[in-house]
Protein backbone atom coordinates (compact mmCIF):
# COMPACT_ATOMS: atom_id res chain seq x y z
CA UNK A 1 72.49 0.82 -95.99
CA UNK A 2 74.92 3.61 -96.80
CA UNK A 3 76.61 3.48 -100.18
CA UNK A 4 79.85 4.67 -101.73
CA UNK A 5 79.53 7.34 -104.37
CA UNK A 6 82.00 5.71 -106.76
CA UNK A 7 83.56 2.26 -106.55
CA UNK A 8 86.38 1.19 -108.89
CA UNK A 9 87.59 -2.39 -109.37
CA UNK A 10 91.09 -2.31 -110.86
CA UNK A 11 92.06 -5.90 -111.74
CA UNK A 12 89.06 -8.21 -111.76
CA UNK A 13 90.65 -10.56 -114.32
CA UNK A 14 92.91 -11.84 -111.54
CA UNK A 15 89.82 -13.43 -109.98
CA UNK A 16 88.82 -15.48 -113.02
CA UNK A 17 90.28 -18.64 -114.52
CA UNK A 18 88.43 -17.74 -117.72
CA UNK A 19 86.38 -14.72 -118.80
CA UNK A 20 82.98 -14.56 -117.18
CA UNK A 21 83.64 -17.32 -114.65
CA UNK A 22 82.86 -14.90 -111.80
CA UNK A 23 80.88 -11.69 -112.00
CA UNK A 24 81.54 -8.39 -110.21
CA UNK A 25 77.81 -7.63 -110.26
CA UNK A 26 77.49 -8.50 -106.57
CA UNK A 27 79.34 -5.26 -105.75
CA UNK A 28 76.89 -2.95 -107.56
CA UNK A 29 74.67 -2.61 -104.51
CA UNK A 30 77.46 -0.92 -102.53
CA UNK A 31 77.91 2.12 -104.78
CA UNK A 32 75.99 4.70 -106.77
CA UNK A 33 78.49 4.24 -109.60
CA UNK A 34 80.85 1.33 -110.31
CA UNK A 35 83.60 0.85 -112.87
CA UNK A 36 85.30 -2.48 -113.49
CA UNK A 37 88.67 -2.99 -115.20
CA UNK A 38 90.17 -6.37 -116.03
CA UNK A 39 93.72 -5.15 -115.43
CA UNK A 40 95.38 -1.86 -114.56
CA UNK A 41 98.98 -0.81 -115.05
CA UNK A 42 100.87 1.45 -112.66
CA UNK A 43 100.61 4.34 -115.11
CA UNK A 44 96.82 3.95 -115.30
CA UNK A 45 96.06 3.62 -111.59
CA UNK A 46 95.65 7.27 -110.60
CA UNK A 47 93.47 8.15 -113.58
CA UNK A 48 91.24 5.13 -113.13
CA UNK A 49 90.66 5.75 -109.43
CA UNK A 50 90.19 9.47 -110.06
CA UNK A 51 87.58 10.84 -107.66
CA UNK A 52 86.37 7.44 -106.47
CA UNK A 53 85.87 6.98 -102.74
CA UNK A 54 86.39 3.19 -102.79
CA UNK A 55 88.65 0.83 -104.71
CA UNK A 56 88.93 -2.95 -104.89
CA UNK A 57 92.06 -4.64 -106.19
CA UNK A 58 94.21 -7.71 -105.92
CA UNK A 59 97.78 -6.83 -106.88
CA UNK A 60 97.67 -3.26 -108.22
CA UNK A 61 100.10 -1.04 -106.31
CA UNK A 62 98.34 1.61 -104.23
CA UNK A 63 101.21 3.85 -103.26
CA UNK A 64 101.48 7.07 -101.30
CA UNK A 65 101.51 8.98 -104.59
CA UNK A 66 98.28 7.29 -105.67
CA UNK A 67 96.60 8.27 -102.41
CA UNK A 68 97.79 11.85 -102.64
CA UNK A 69 96.47 12.15 -106.20
CA UNK A 70 93.11 10.54 -105.33
CA UNK A 71 91.89 12.75 -102.45
CA UNK A 72 88.38 11.27 -102.21
CA UNK A 73 89.64 7.75 -101.57
CA UNK A 74 88.54 6.45 -98.16
CA UNK A 75 88.38 2.66 -98.60
CA UNK A 76 90.70 0.07 -100.18
CA UNK A 77 89.41 -3.50 -100.30
CA UNK A 78 91.77 -6.31 -101.23
CA UNK A 79 90.94 -9.49 -103.11
CA UNK A 80 93.75 -11.06 -101.08
CA UNK A 81 95.09 -11.81 -97.64
CA UNK A 82 98.47 -10.24 -98.41
CA UNK A 83 98.60 -6.46 -98.45
CA UNK A 84 102.17 -5.64 -99.45
CA UNK A 85 100.88 -3.88 -102.58
CA UNK A 86 99.35 -1.12 -100.42
CA UNK A 87 101.31 1.52 -98.49
CA UNK A 88 99.62 0.90 -95.15
CA UNK A 89 101.40 3.75 -93.38
CA UNK A 90 100.31 6.25 -96.03
CA UNK A 91 96.76 4.92 -95.89
CA UNK A 92 96.61 5.50 -92.13
CA UNK A 93 97.95 9.04 -92.56
CA UNK A 94 95.28 9.80 -95.17
CA UNK A 95 92.46 8.27 -93.13
CA UNK A 96 91.93 5.45 -95.64
CA UNK A 97 90.63 2.13 -94.31
CA UNK A 98 92.32 -0.95 -95.82
CA UNK A 99 90.59 -4.32 -95.47
CA UNK A 100 92.00 -7.64 -96.63
CA UNK A 101 90.25 -10.98 -96.97
CA UNK A 102 91.68 -13.12 -94.20
CA UNK A 103 91.58 -16.91 -94.17
CA UNK A 104 89.56 -17.40 -97.37
CA UNK A 105 92.21 -19.68 -98.93
CA UNK A 106 93.35 -21.65 -95.88
CA UNK A 107 92.13 -25.05 -97.06
CA UNK A 108 93.24 -24.46 -100.64
CA UNK A 109 96.82 -23.53 -99.75
CA UNK A 110 97.10 -26.36 -97.22
CA UNK A 111 95.89 -28.74 -99.93
CA UNK A 112 98.64 -27.59 -102.29
CA UNK A 113 101.28 -28.10 -99.60
CA UNK A 114 100.25 -31.74 -99.31
CA UNK A 115 100.04 -32.14 -103.06
CA UNK A 116 103.73 -31.20 -103.09
CA UNK A 117 104.55 -33.50 -100.18
CA UNK A 118 102.70 -36.46 -101.69
CA UNK A 119 104.28 -35.83 -105.07
CA UNK A 120 107.73 -35.79 -103.51
CA UNK A 121 107.42 -38.83 -101.27
CA UNK A 122 105.28 -40.97 -103.62
CA UNK A 123 107.07 -39.99 -106.85
CA UNK A 124 103.83 -39.92 -108.86
CA UNK A 125 105.03 -37.87 -111.81
CA UNK A 126 108.28 -39.78 -112.11
CA UNK A 127 106.48 -43.13 -112.15
CA UNK A 128 103.78 -41.91 -114.52
CA UNK A 129 106.51 -40.82 -116.94
CA UNK A 130 108.26 -44.17 -116.54
CA UNK A 131 105.05 -46.02 -117.45
CA UNK A 132 104.47 -43.76 -120.46
CA UNK A 133 108.03 -44.46 -121.60
CA UNK A 134 107.34 -48.21 -121.51
CA UNK A 135 109.65 -48.95 -118.60
CA UNK A 136 106.99 -51.09 -116.89
CA UNK A 137 106.24 -52.94 -120.13
CA UNK A 138 109.82 -54.20 -120.18
CA UNK A 139 110.11 -54.87 -116.44
CA UNK A 140 111.17 -58.44 -115.53
CA UNK A 141 109.02 -58.29 -112.36
CA UNK A 142 105.40 -57.36 -111.64
CA UNK A 143 106.36 -54.33 -109.55
CA UNK A 144 108.69 -51.69 -110.93
CA UNK A 145 110.16 -49.30 -108.34
CA UNK A 146 113.69 -48.13 -109.21
CA UNK A 147 113.06 -44.68 -107.74
CA UNK A 148 112.79 -44.16 -103.97
CA UNK A 149 109.29 -44.04 -102.50
CA UNK A 150 108.95 -42.99 -98.87
CA UNK A 151 106.29 -42.75 -96.21
CA UNK A 152 105.39 -39.34 -94.84
CA UNK A 153 104.58 -40.85 -91.45
CA UNK A 154 107.41 -40.19 -89.05
CA UNK A 155 108.96 -37.41 -91.12
CA UNK A 156 109.49 -34.06 -89.38
CA UNK A 157 107.60 -31.16 -90.96
CA UNK A 158 108.84 -27.72 -89.98
CA UNK A 159 106.24 -24.99 -90.32
CA UNK A 160 107.43 -21.36 -90.47
CA UNK A 161 104.47 -19.21 -89.44
CA UNK A 162 101.49 -20.40 -87.42
CA UNK A 163 98.56 -18.40 -88.68
CA UNK A 164 95.43 -20.02 -90.07
CA UNK A 165 97.27 -21.75 -92.92
CA UNK A 166 100.14 -22.92 -90.75
CA UNK A 167 97.66 -24.35 -88.25
CA UNK A 168 95.72 -26.15 -90.99
CA UNK A 169 98.92 -27.64 -92.38
CA UNK A 170 99.91 -28.80 -88.90
CA UNK A 171 96.57 -30.57 -88.37
CA UNK A 172 96.83 -32.40 -91.69
CA UNK A 173 100.45 -33.35 -91.04
CA UNK A 174 99.37 -34.74 -87.68
CA UNK A 175 96.80 -36.92 -89.44
CA UNK A 176 99.52 -38.28 -91.73
CA UNK A 177 101.59 -39.21 -88.69
CA UNK A 178 104.25 -36.57 -89.30
CA UNK A 179 106.20 -34.97 -86.48
CA UNK A 180 105.39 -31.25 -86.48
CA UNK A 181 107.60 -28.41 -85.24
CA UNK A 182 106.69 -24.73 -85.38
CA UNK A 183 108.66 -21.50 -85.76
CA UNK A 184 106.55 -18.40 -85.23
CA UNK A 185 107.06 -14.74 -84.29
CA UNK A 186 104.56 -14.87 -81.43
CA UNK A 187 104.14 -17.89 -79.17
CA UNK A 188 100.62 -19.26 -79.70
CA UNK A 189 98.39 -20.30 -76.83
CA UNK A 190 97.75 -24.00 -76.32
CA UNK A 191 99.92 -25.03 -79.27
CA UNK A 192 100.16 -28.85 -79.23
CA UNK A 193 103.43 -28.85 -81.18
CA UNK A 194 106.97 -27.98 -80.11
CA UNK A 195 108.07 -24.41 -80.80
CA UNK A 196 111.59 -23.90 -82.14
CA UNK A 197 113.71 -21.17 -83.65
CA UNK A 198 113.77 -20.74 -87.42
CA UNK A 199 117.36 -21.99 -87.52
CA UNK A 200 116.45 -25.10 -85.52
CA UNK A 201 113.62 -25.89 -87.92
CA UNK A 202 115.96 -25.58 -90.89
CA UNK A 203 118.50 -27.84 -89.23
CA UNK A 204 116.15 -30.60 -88.06
CA UNK A 205 113.16 -30.82 -90.40
CA UNK A 206 112.82 -33.29 -93.25
CA UNK A 207 110.46 -30.86 -94.99
CA UNK A 208 110.00 -27.14 -94.37
CA UNK A 209 106.93 -25.18 -95.44
CA UNK A 210 106.73 -21.38 -95.28
CA UNK A 211 103.51 -19.68 -94.13
CA UNK A 212 104.59 -16.29 -92.81
CA UNK A 213 103.61 -12.90 -94.27
CA UNK A 214 106.07 -10.80 -96.22
CA UNK A 215 107.50 -8.13 -93.90
CA UNK A 216 110.89 -6.43 -93.67
CA UNK A 217 111.76 -9.08 -91.08
CA UNK A 218 110.80 -12.05 -93.26
CA UNK A 219 112.18 -10.80 -96.59
CA UNK A 220 114.87 -13.29 -97.70
CA UNK A 221 114.32 -15.30 -94.52
CA UNK A 222 115.38 -18.27 -96.66
CA UNK A 223 118.97 -17.45 -97.59
CA UNK A 224 122.34 -19.07 -98.11
CA UNK A 225 123.07 -19.30 -94.39
CA UNK A 226 119.77 -20.96 -93.50
CA UNK A 227 119.83 -23.29 -96.48
CA UNK A 228 123.26 -24.47 -95.37
CA UNK A 229 121.64 -25.71 -92.15
CA UNK A 230 119.31 -28.09 -94.00
CA UNK A 231 119.84 -31.82 -94.22
CA UNK A 232 120.76 -33.01 -97.74
CA UNK A 233 117.57 -35.10 -98.01
CA UNK A 234 115.29 -32.23 -96.91
CA UNK A 235 112.87 -30.27 -99.09
CA UNK A 236 111.59 -26.70 -99.02
CA UNK A 237 108.04 -25.57 -99.82
CA UNK A 238 106.99 -21.93 -100.25
CA UNK A 239 103.36 -20.95 -100.79
CA UNK A 240 103.56 -17.61 -98.95
CA UNK A 241 105.32 -14.77 -100.80
CA UNK A 242 108.20 -15.02 -103.24
CA UNK A 243 110.55 -12.48 -101.64
CA UNK A 244 110.67 -14.59 -98.46
CA UNK A 245 113.21 -16.63 -100.46
CA UNK A 246 116.53 -15.32 -101.76
CA UNK A 247 116.16 -16.96 -105.14
CA UNK A 248 119.78 -17.07 -106.27
CA UNK A 249 120.79 -18.61 -102.95
CA UNK A 250 118.11 -21.29 -103.31
CA UNK A 251 119.07 -22.03 -106.92
CA UNK A 252 122.71 -22.43 -105.89
CA UNK A 253 121.75 -24.70 -102.98
CA UNK A 254 119.63 -26.92 -105.22
CA UNK A 255 122.27 -27.16 -107.92
CA UNK A 256 124.91 -28.02 -105.33
CA UNK A 257 122.81 -30.66 -103.58
CA UNK A 258 122.54 -28.76 -100.30
CA UNK A 259 118.87 -29.86 -100.20
CA UNK A 260 116.99 -32.41 -102.27
CA UNK A 261 114.19 -30.34 -103.79
CA UNK A 262 112.09 -27.18 -103.63
CA UNK A 263 108.40 -26.72 -104.40
CA UNK A 264 107.40 -23.12 -105.04
CA UNK A 265 104.04 -21.53 -105.81
CA UNK A 266 105.34 -17.97 -105.54
CA UNK A 267 108.32 -16.05 -106.92
CA UNK A 268 109.87 -12.68 -106.16
CA UNK A 269 108.59 -11.28 -109.48
CA UNK A 270 105.31 -12.52 -110.92
CA UNK A 271 104.57 -13.54 -113.62
CA UNK A 272 107.82 -15.49 -113.68
CA UNK A 273 110.63 -13.78 -115.58
CA UNK A 274 112.96 -15.57 -117.98
CA UNK A 275 115.85 -14.38 -115.83
CA UNK A 276 114.71 -15.98 -112.58
CA UNK A 277 117.60 -18.12 -111.30
CA UNK A 278 115.14 -20.83 -110.22
CA UNK A 279 113.76 -21.45 -113.70
CA UNK A 280 116.29 -24.16 -114.49
CA UNK A 281 117.44 -25.02 -110.99
CA UNK A 282 117.85 -28.73 -110.23
CA UNK A 283 114.81 -30.44 -108.64
CA UNK A 284 112.82 -27.22 -108.45
CA UNK A 285 109.07 -27.56 -109.07
CA UNK A 286 107.32 -24.23 -109.74
CA UNK A 287 103.58 -23.72 -110.04
CA UNK A 288 102.12 -20.36 -111.18
CA UNK A 289 100.68 -19.00 -107.89
CA UNK A 290 97.70 -21.37 -107.84
CA UNK A 291 97.45 -22.16 -104.11
CA UNK A 292 94.73 -19.55 -103.51
CA UNK A 293 92.85 -20.17 -106.74
CA UNK A 294 90.48 -23.10 -106.18
CA UNK A 295 86.93 -22.34 -107.28
CA UNK A 296 85.72 -22.60 -103.69
CA UNK A 297 88.39 -20.25 -102.38
CA UNK A 298 87.67 -17.60 -105.00
CA UNK A 299 83.96 -17.80 -104.27
CA UNK A 300 84.71 -17.28 -100.56
CA UNK A 301 87.00 -14.41 -101.49
CA UNK A 302 84.24 -12.67 -103.43
CA UNK A 303 81.84 -13.09 -100.52
CA UNK A 304 84.37 -11.92 -97.94
CA UNK A 305 85.21 -8.84 -100.01
CA UNK A 306 81.51 -8.03 -100.27
CA UNK A 307 81.06 -8.60 -96.53
CA UNK A 308 83.96 -6.23 -95.85
CA UNK A 309 82.31 -3.52 -97.92
CA UNK A 310 79.01 -3.97 -96.13
CA UNK A 311 80.59 -3.96 -92.66
CA UNK A 312 82.54 -0.80 -93.47
CA UNK A 313 79.44 0.98 -94.71
CA UNK A 314 77.60 -0.12 -91.56
CA UNK A 315 80.31 1.43 -89.42
CA UNK A 316 81.79 -1.86 -88.18
CA UNK A 317 84.74 -2.61 -90.50
CA UNK A 318 86.39 -6.03 -90.26
CA UNK A 319 89.73 -7.44 -91.44
CA UNK A 320 91.22 -3.94 -91.13
CA UNK A 321 94.94 -3.76 -91.89
CA UNK A 322 96.86 -1.30 -89.70
CA UNK A 323 100.51 -0.21 -89.65
CA UNK A 324 102.87 -2.46 -87.72
């Protein structure tokens, strides 16, 4: 097998829940020399890549300037499905192959979507807190249910984006007896669910879940105008990319009761900033970008990244990202 001369891993700490949980040693066999950094700032990126011909990263920005200052670079491998941290146009111009890790987290993200849905409709946290606060101890009846609990069956789930995650979410929703409707840029073949416009989904769905990539067309797809279309009892879920949502518009809509709740695993700026308007928004549940991070998903991600390296070196690259 051919090998890279010099492979640099820029932010391996993003792959680990705790130090040493996963090892980068599996990548040694692909390069004569390998350097591993836990994290890399923008000011350190060029120096750390240096004369390397291959780089692996998760969220480090690989800009046109980085590529121009690192002339030996010919391969960028991503510990991620999303690739908005890499200037894909510049990579194509410089003859650099960019490979992402498609579909490694499908089941994990779909699982989180339904954790949100079950939490919302079953009210688990609210009832757990009520029990801890002795409300059941003082109940005059055996069953204490002052807060609404609803069935998911029969509810309409609107899915924005019908890639692998959107399809997985649709299948699970079907099993729960939900009515599924899809909004997607390209009409899929043999889709068993009705296809609608984004605006129609916002107007008719009881719950909306976002699964589209971040592109110039999808940036701030969720905005004041679309939120105004939602039914007051509806909820919004975003596990895709933070900038798909205009955060001030969503905070205003939640605080004004335009929709009932939002469940977000991603924000426009991560880690979350104190200034984010959603931090104290009414009925807004935020988790710290955990949808992709199950142990199983991260193990698949490591393997897929290694497979991508091997396929590239064998002359048959896979999961290649090209300019739109």
